[in-house]
Amino acid sequence: MKLPRLSGREVIKALAKAGFQEIRRHGSRVYLEKTTAGETSHLMVHNFKELDPKALMDIIHQSGLSRDEFLSFV
């Protein structure tokens, strides 16, 4: 199954549903973090119109979510 074409905003909304919180913005970059069991994960997402599929897979991998888990939040 192919990944859907998502904008940076849609990815940020999906990550927020997964428990990530926006900690700051710098230009088009949005920095997110999630703390679970004393472990903190940090992500940076570009708030572009549409993300490249490889960039989306990198974000999913860095978030610690499986592909199916991430897609359930979209």
PDB file of N, CA and C in Angstrom:
ATOM      1  N   MET A   1       0.828  -1.174   0.000  1.00  0.00           N
ATOM      2  CA  MET A   1       0.000   0.000   0.000  1.00  0.00           C
ATOM      3  C   MET A   1       0.880   1.249   0.000  1.00  0.00           C
ATOM      4  N   LYS A   2       0.593   2.173  -0.903  1.00  0.00           N
ATOM      5  CA  LYS A   2       1.357   3.401  -0.992  1.00  0.00           C
ATOM      6  C   LYS A   2       0.972   4.354   0.132  1.00  0.00           C
ATOM      7  N   LEU A   3       1.912   5.206   0.479  1.00  0.00           N
ATOM      8  CA  LEU A   3       1.609   6.261   1.442  1.00  0.00           C
ATOM      9  C   LEU A   3       0.802   7.344   0.745  1.00  0.00           C
ATOM     10  N   PRO A   4      -0.149   7.932   1.442  1.00  0.00           N
ATOM     11  CA  PRO A   4      -0.897   9.036   0.834  1.00  0.00           C
ATOM     12  C   PRO A   4      -0.007  10.267   0.719  1.00  0.00           C
ATOM     13  N   ARG A   5      -0.334  11.149  -0.177  1.00  0.00           N
ATOM     14  CA  ARG A   5       0.379  12.413  -0.315  1.00  0.00           C
ATOM     15  C   ARG A   5      -0.172  13.352   0.758  1.00  0.00           C
ATOM     16  N   LEU A   6       0.677  13.746   1.683  1.00  0.00           N
ATOM     17  CA  LEU A   6       0.238  14.573   2.806  1.00  0.00           C
ATOM     18  C   LEU A   6       1.013  15.879   2.850  1.00  0.00           C
ATOM     19  N   SER A   7       0.335  16.907   3.301  1.00  0.00           N
ATOM     20  CA  SER A   7       1.002  18.190   3.511  1.00  0.00           C
ATOM     21  C   SER A   7       1.669  18.164   4.889  1.00  0.00           C
ATOM     22  N   GLY A   8       2.552  19.113   5.107  1.00  0.00           N
ATOM     23  CA  GLY A   8       3.196  19.229   6.412  1.00  0.00           C
ATOM     24  C   GLY A   8       2.181  19.446   7.517  1.00  0.00           C
ATOM     25  N   ARG A   9       1.143  20.243   7.230  1.00  0.00           N
ATOM     26  CA  ARG A   9       0.088  20.488   8.227  1.00  0.00           C
ATOM     27  C   ARG A   9      -0.627  19.198   8.610  1.00  0.00           C
ATOM     28  N   GLU A  10      -0.950  18.367   7.617  1.00  0.00           N
ATOM     29  CA  GLU A  10      -1.650  17.106   7.892  1.00  0.00           C
ATOM     30  C   GLU A  10      -0.780  16.173   8.724  1.00  0.00           C
ATOM     31  N   VAL A  11       0.518  16.162   8.449  1.00  0.00           N
ATOM     32  CA  VAL A  11       1.443  15.324   9.221  1.00  0.00           C
ATOM     33  C   VAL A  11       1.524  15.819  10.655  1.00  0.00           C
ATOM     34  N   ILE A  12       1.582  17.124  10.842  1.00  0.00           N
ATOM     35  CA  ILE A  12       1.644  17.700  12.191  1.00  0.00           C
ATOM     36  C   ILE A  12       0.379  17.375  12.972  1.00  0.00           C
ATOM     37  N   LYS A  13      -0.784  17.450  12.324  1.00  0.00           N
ATOM     38  CA  LYS A  13      -2.048  17.106  12.982  1.00  0.00           C
ATOM     39  C   LYS A  13      -2.077  15.632  13.380  1.00  0.00           C
ATOM     40  N   ALA A  14      -1.587  14.752  12.495  1.00  0.00           N
ATOM     41  CA  ALA A  14      -1.559  13.313  12.797  1.00  0.00           C
ATOM     42  C   ALA A  14      -0.628  13.032  13.965  1.00  0.00           C
ATOM     43  N   LEU A  15       0.528  13.688  13.987  1.00  0.00           N
ATOM     44  CA  LEU A  15       1.465  13.490  15.093  1.00  0.00           C
ATOM     45  C   LEU A  15       0.895  14.037  16.405  1.00  0.00           C
ATOM     46  N   ALA A  16       0.117  15.107  16.332  1.00  0.00           N
ATOM     47  CA  ALA A  16      -0.535  15.639  17.540  1.00  0.00           C
ATOM     48  C   ALA A  16      -1.520  14.613  18.094  1.00  0.00           C
ATOM     49  N   LYS A  17      -2.247  13.934  17.216  1.00  0.00           N
ATOM     50  CA  LYS A  17      -3.169  12.876  17.663  1.00  0.00           C
ATOM     51  C   LYS A  17      -2.403  11.720  18.288  1.00  0.00           C
ATOM     52  N   ALA A  18      -1.154  11.526  17.855  1.00  0.00           N
ATOM     53  CA  ALA A  18      -0.318  10.446  18.398  1.00  0.00           C
ATOM     54  C   ALA A  18       0.359  10.854  19.703  1.00  0.00           C
ATOM     55  N   GLY A  19       0.140  12.104  20.142  1.00  0.00           N
ATOM     56  CA  GLY A  19       0.677  12.528  21.430  1.00  0.00           C
ATOM     57  C   GLY A  19       1.836  13.500  21.355  1.00  0.00           C
ATOM     58  N   PHE A  20       2.259  13.906  20.173  1.00  0.00           N
ATOM     59  CA  PHE A  20       3.334  14.881  20.040  1.00  0.00           C
ATOM     60  C   PHE A  20       2.778  16.276  20.275  1.00  0.00           C
ATOM     61  N   GLN A  21       3.600  17.127  20.866  1.00  0.00           N
ATOM     62  CA  GLN A  21       3.210  18.509  21.127  1.00  0.00           C
ATOM     63  C   GLN A  21       4.190  19.451  20.445  1.00  0.00           C
ATOM     64  N   GLU A  22       3.650  20.530  19.896  1.00  0.00           N
ATOM     65  CA  GLU A  22       4.505  21.535  19.271  1.00  0.00           C
ATOM     66  C   GLU A  22       5.233  22.291  20.360  1.00  0.00           C
ATOM     67  N   ILE A  23       6.551  22.377  20.244  1.00  0.00           N
ATOM     68  CA  ILE A  23       7.313  23.111  21.248  1.00  0.00           C
ATOM     69  C   ILE A  23       7.796  24.457  20.728  1.00  0.00           C
ATOM     70  N   ARG A  24       7.982  24.573  19.386  1.00  0.00           N
ATOM     71  CA  ARG A  24       8.340  25.868  18.818  1.00  0.00           C
ATOM     72  C   ARG A  24       8.251  25.826  17.305  1.00  0.00           C
ATOM     73  N   ARG A  25       8.296  27.010  16.718  1.00  0.00           N
ATOM     74  CA  ARG A  25       8.312  27.171  15.259  1.00  0.00           C
ATOM     75  C   ARG A  25       9.470  28.087  14.901  1.00  0.00           C
ATOM     76  N   HIS A  26      10.072  27.788  13.774  1.00  0.00           N
ATOM     77  CA  HIS A  26      11.131  28.644  13.264  1.00  0.00           C
ATOM     78  C   HIS A  26      11.007  28.655  11.753  1.00  0.00           C
ATOM     79  N   GLY A  27      10.413  29.709  11.237  1.00  0.00           N
ATOM     80  CA  GLY A  27      10.157  29.775   9.803  1.00  0.00           C
ATOM     81  C   GLY A  27       9.139  28.714   9.416  1.00  0.00           C
ATOM     82  N   SER A  28       9.502  27.881   8.446  1.00  0.00           N
ATOM     83  CA  SER A  28       8.589  26.818   8.009  1.00  0.00           C
ATOM     84  C   SER A  28       8.785  25.533   8.803  1.00  0.00           C
ATOM     85  N   ARG A  29       9.708  25.541   9.750  1.00  0.00           N
ATOM     86  CA  ARG A  29       9.972  24.333  10.541  1.00  0.00           C
ATOM     87  C   ARG A  29       9.157  24.341  11.828  1.00  0.00           C
ATOM     88  N   VAL A  30       8.555  23.184  12.126  1.00  0.00           N
ATOM     89  CA  VAL A  30       7.788  23.005  13.352  1.00  0.00           C
ATOM     90  C   VAL A  30       8.475  21.915  14.153  1.00  0.00           C
ATOM     91  N   TYR A  31       8.806  22.194  15.396  1.00  0.00           N
ATOM     92  CA  TYR A  31       9.493  21.248  16.264  1.00  0.00           C
ATOM     93  C   TYR A  31       8.474  20.632  17.217  1.00  0.00           C
ATOM     94  N   LEU A  32       8.485  19.303  17.301  1.00  0.00           N
ATOM     95  CA  LEU A  32       7.535  18.566  18.123  1.00  0.00           C
ATOM     96  C   LEU A  32       8.290  17.670  19.085  1.00  0.00           C
ATOM     97  N   GLU A  33       7.639  17.348  20.206  1.00  0.00           N
ATOM     98  CA  GLU A  33       8.230  16.391  21.141  1.00  0.00           C
ATOM     99  C   GLU A  33       7.135  15.566  21.795  1.00  0.00           C
ATOM    100  N   LYS A  34       7.540  14.383  22.246  1.00  0.00           N
ATOM    101  CA  LYS A  34       6.635  13.476  22.951  1.00  0.00           C
ATOM    102  C   LYS A  34       7.441  12.781  24.036  1.00  0.00           C
ATOM    103  N   THR A  35       6.894  12.756  25.240  1.00  0.00           N
ATOM    104  CA  THR A  35       7.557  12.084  26.349  1.00  0.00           C
ATOM    105  C   THR A  35       6.744  10.865  26.754  1.00  0.00           C
ATOM    106  N   THR A  36       7.402   9.712  26.736  1.00  0.00           N
ATOM    107  CA  THR A  36       6.751   8.471  27.153  1.00  0.00           C
ATOM    108  C   THR A  36       7.704   7.703  28.059  1.00  0.00           C
ATOM    109  N   ALA A  37       7.228   7.345  29.210  1.00  0.00           N
ATOM    110  CA  ALA A  37       7.999   6.553  30.180  1.00  0.00           C
ATOM    111  C   ALA A  37       9.387   7.158  30.409  1.00  0.00           C
ATOM    112  N   GLY A  38       9.445   8.474  30.561  1.00  0.00           N
ATOM    113  CA  GLY A  38      10.709   9.133  30.842  1.00  0.00           C
ATOM    114  C   GLY A  38      11.610   9.326  29.637  1.00  0.00           C
ATOM    115  N   GLU A  39      11.182   8.902  28.472  1.00  0.00           N
ATOM    116  CA  GLU A  39      11.979   9.033  27.249  1.00  0.00           C
ATOM    117  C   GLU A  39      11.334  10.084  26.345  1.00  0.00           C
ATOM    118  N   THR A  40      12.122  11.045  25.880  1.00  0.00           N
ATOM    119  CA  THR A  40      11.585  12.126  25.060  1.00  0.00           C
ATOM    120  C   THR A  40      12.025  11.959  23.613  1.00  0.00           C
ATOM    121  N   SER A  41      11.057  12.049  22.699  1.00  0.00           N
ATOM    122  CA  SER A  41      11.331  11.990  21.265  1.00  0.00           C
ATOM    123  C   SER A  41      11.150  13.378  20.680  1.00  0.00           C
ATOM    124  N   HIS A  42      12.070  13.786  19.805  1.00  0.00           N
ATOM    125  CA  HIS A  42      11.994  15.095  19.149  1.00  0.00           C
ATOM    126  C   HIS A  42      11.891  14.905  17.645  1.00  0.00           C
ATOM    127  N   LEU A  43      11.080  15.717  17.012  1.00  0.00           N
ATOM    128  CA  LEU A  43      10.903  15.693  15.560  1.00  0.00           C
ATOM    129  C   LEU A  43      10.874  17.111  15.025  1.00  0.00           C
ATOM    130  N   MET A  44      11.242  17.253  13.758  1.00  0.00           N
ATOM    131  CA  MET A  44      11.119  18.522  13.061  1.00  0.00           C
ATOM    132  C   MET A  44      10.407  18.228  11.754  1.00  0.00           C
ATOM    133  N   VAL A  45       9.340  18.989  11.481  1.00  0.00           N
ATOM    134  CA  VAL A  45       8.559  18.801  10.265  1.00  0.00           C
ATOM    135  C   VAL A  45       8.496  20.133   9.539  1.00  0.00           C
ATOM    136  N   HIS A  46       8.776  20.107   8.244  1.00  0.00           N
ATOM    137  CA  HIS A  46       8.622  21.306   7.424  1.00  0.00           C
ATOM    138  C   HIS A  46       7.149  21.474   7.097  1.00  0.00           C
ATOM    139  N   ASN A  47       6.654  22.658   7.272  1.00  0.00           N
ATOM    140  CA  ASN A  47       5.246  22.956   7.043  1.00  0.00           C
ATOM    141  C   ASN A  47       5.033  23.338   5.576  1.00  0.00           C
ATOM    142  N   PHE A  48       5.377  22.412   4.672  1.00  0.00           N
ATOM    143  CA  PHE A  48       5.242  22.636   3.241  1.00  0.00           C
ATOM    144  C   PHE A  48       3.880  22.173   2.747  1.00  0.00           C
ATOM    145  N   LYS A  49       3.583  22.507   1.499  1.00  0.00           N
ATOM    146  CA  LYS A  49       2.309  22.096   0.932  1.00  0.00           C
ATOM    147  C   LYS A  49       2.212  20.573   0.872  1.00  0.00           C
ATOM    148  N   GLU A  50       3.231  19.904   0.339  1.00  0.00           N
ATOM    149  CA  GLU A  50       3.188  18.447   0.214  1.00  0.00           C
ATOM    150  C   GLU A  50       4.572  17.880   0.490  1.00  0.00           C
ATOM    151  N   LEU A  51       4.633  16.842   1.327  1.00  0.00           N
ATOM    152  CA  LEU A  51       5.912  16.232   1.673  1.00  0.00           C
ATOM    153  C   LEU A  51       6.252  15.123   0.694  1.00  0.00           C
ATOM    154  N   ASP A  52       7.523  14.994   0.418  1.00  0.00           N
ATOM    155  CA  ASP A  52       8.040  13.913  -0.397  1.00  0.00           C
ATOM    156  C   ASP A  52       7.796  12.584   0.335  1.00  0.00           C
ATOM    157  N   PRO A  53       7.443  11.496  -0.375  1.00  0.00           N
ATOM    158  CA  PRO A  53       7.186  10.213   0.310  1.00  0.00           C
ATOM    159  C   PRO A  53       8.362   9.724   1.155  1.00  0.00           C
ATOM    160  N   LYS A  54       9.601   9.936   0.688  1.00  0.00           N
ATOM    161  CA  LYS A  54      10.753   9.517   1.477  1.00  0.00           C
ATOM    162  C   LYS A  54      10.849  10.331   2.765  1.00  0.00           C
ATOM    163  N   ALA A  55      10.591  11.633   2.681  1.00  0.00           N
ATOM    164  CA  ALA A  55      10.617  12.480   3.879  1.00  0.00           C
ATOM    165  C   ALA A  55       9.534  12.033   4.859  1.00  0.00           C
ATOM    166  N   LEU A  56       8.367  11.669   4.337  1.00  0.00           N
ATOM    167  CA  LEU A  56       7.280  11.192   5.194  1.00  0.00           C
ATOM    168  C   LEU A  56       7.676   9.898   5.902  1.00  0.00           C
ATOM    169  N   MET A  57       8.305   8.974   5.172  1.00  0.00           N
ATOM    170  CA  MET A  57       8.750   7.715   5.798  1.00  0.00           C
ATOM    171  C   MET A  57       9.793   7.988   6.872  1.00  0.00           C
ATOM    172  N   ASP A  58      10.688   8.948   6.640  1.00  0.00           N
ATOM    173  CA  ASP A  58      11.691   9.308   7.644  1.00  0.00           C
ATOM    174  C   ASP A  58      11.025   9.856   8.909  1.00  0.00           C
ATOM    175  N   ILE A  59      10.012  10.693   8.735  1.00  0.00           N
ATOM    176  CA  ILE A  59       9.295  11.257   9.880  1.00  0.00           C
ATOM    177  C   ILE A  59       8.584  10.156  10.658  1.00  0.00           C
ATOM    178  N   ILE A  60       7.943   9.229   9.940  1.00  0.00           N
ATOM    179  CA  ILE A  60       7.251   8.110  10.601  1.00  0.00           C
ATOM    180  C   ILE A  60       8.253   7.274  11.386  1.00  0.00           C
ATOM    181  N   HIS A  61       9.400   6.988  10.795  1.00  0.00           N
ATOM    182  CA  HIS A  61      10.432   6.183  11.462  1.00  0.00           C
ATOM    183  C   HIS A  61      10.948   6.906  12.707  1.00  0.00           C
ATOM    184  N   GLN A  62      11.233   8.194  12.595  1.00  0.00           N
ATOM    185  CA  GLN A  62      11.755   8.962  13.721  1.00  0.00           C
ATOM    186  C   GLN A  62      10.736   9.109  14.842  1.00  0.00           C
ATOM    187  N   SER A  63       9.450   9.058  14.505  1.00  0.00           N
ATOM    188  CA  SER A  63       8.415   9.206  15.527  1.00  0.00           C
ATOM    189  C   SER A  63       8.294   7.961  16.406  1.00  0.00           C
ATOM    190  N   GLY A  64       8.824   6.844  15.923  1.00  0.00           N
ATOM    191  CA  GLY A  64       8.716   5.607  16.692  1.00  0.00           C
ATOM    192  C   GLY A  64       7.405   4.876  16.447  1.00  0.00           C
ATOM    193  N   LEU A  65       6.601   5.380  15.537  1.00  0.00           N
ATOM    194  CA  LEU A  65       5.330   4.748  15.195  1.00  0.00           C
ATOM    195  C   LEU A  65       5.539   3.811  14.015  1.00  0.00           C
ATOM    196  N   SER A  66       4.709   2.789  13.931  1.00  0.00           N
ATOM    197  CA  SER A  66       4.730   1.955  12.734  1.00  0.00           C
ATOM    198  C   SER A  66       3.958   2.694  11.640  1.00  0.00           C
ATOM    199  N   ARG A  67       4.125   2.257  10.432  1.00  0.00           N
ATOM    200  CA  ARG A  67       3.437   2.891   9.304  1.00  0.00           C
ATOM    201  C   ARG A  67       1.920   2.834   9.490  1.00  0.00           C
ATOM    202  N   ASP A  68       1.423   1.668   9.913  1.00  0.00           N
ATOM    203  CA  ASP A  68      -0.021   1.503  10.116  1.00  0.00           C
ATOM    204  C   ASP A  68      -0.533   2.359  11.269  1.00  0.00           C
ATOM    205  N   GLU A  69       0.263   2.455  12.351  1.00  0.00           N
ATOM    206  CA  GLU A  69      -0.138   3.306  13.475  1.00  0.00           C
ATOM    207  C   GLU A  69      -0.258   4.750  13.022  1.00  0.00           C
ATOM    208  N   PHE A  70       0.740   5.226  12.277  1.00  0.00           N
ATOM    209  CA  PHE A  70       0.704   6.608  11.796  1.00  0.00           C
ATOM    210  C   PHE A  70      -0.507   6.838  10.904  1.00  0.00           C
ATOM    211  N   LEU A  71      -0.766   5.910   9.989  1.00  0.00           N
ATOM    212  CA  LEU A  71      -1.876   6.076   9.058  1.00  0.00           C
ATOM    213  C   LEU A  71      -3.230   6.051   9.772  1.00  0.00           C
ATOM    214  N   SER A  72      -3.300   5.413  10.946  1.00  0.00           N
ATOM    215  CA  SER A  72      -4.558   5.407  11.694  1.00  0.00           C
ATOM    216  C   SER A  72      -4.865   6.797  12.270  1.00  0.00           C
ATOM    217  N   PHE A  73      -3.844   7.653  12.417  1.00  0.00           N
ATOM    218  CA  PHE A  73      -4.040   8.997  12.947  1.00  0.00           C
ATOM    219  C   PHE A  73      -4.328  10.019  11.854  1.00  0.00           C
ATOM    220  N   VAL A  74      -4.130   9.633  10.595  1.00  0.00           N
ATOM    221  CA  VAL A  74      -4.332  10.572   9.470  1.00  0.00           C
ATOM    222  C   VAL A  74      -5.801  10.720   9.189  1.00  0.00           C
TER     223      VAL A  74
END
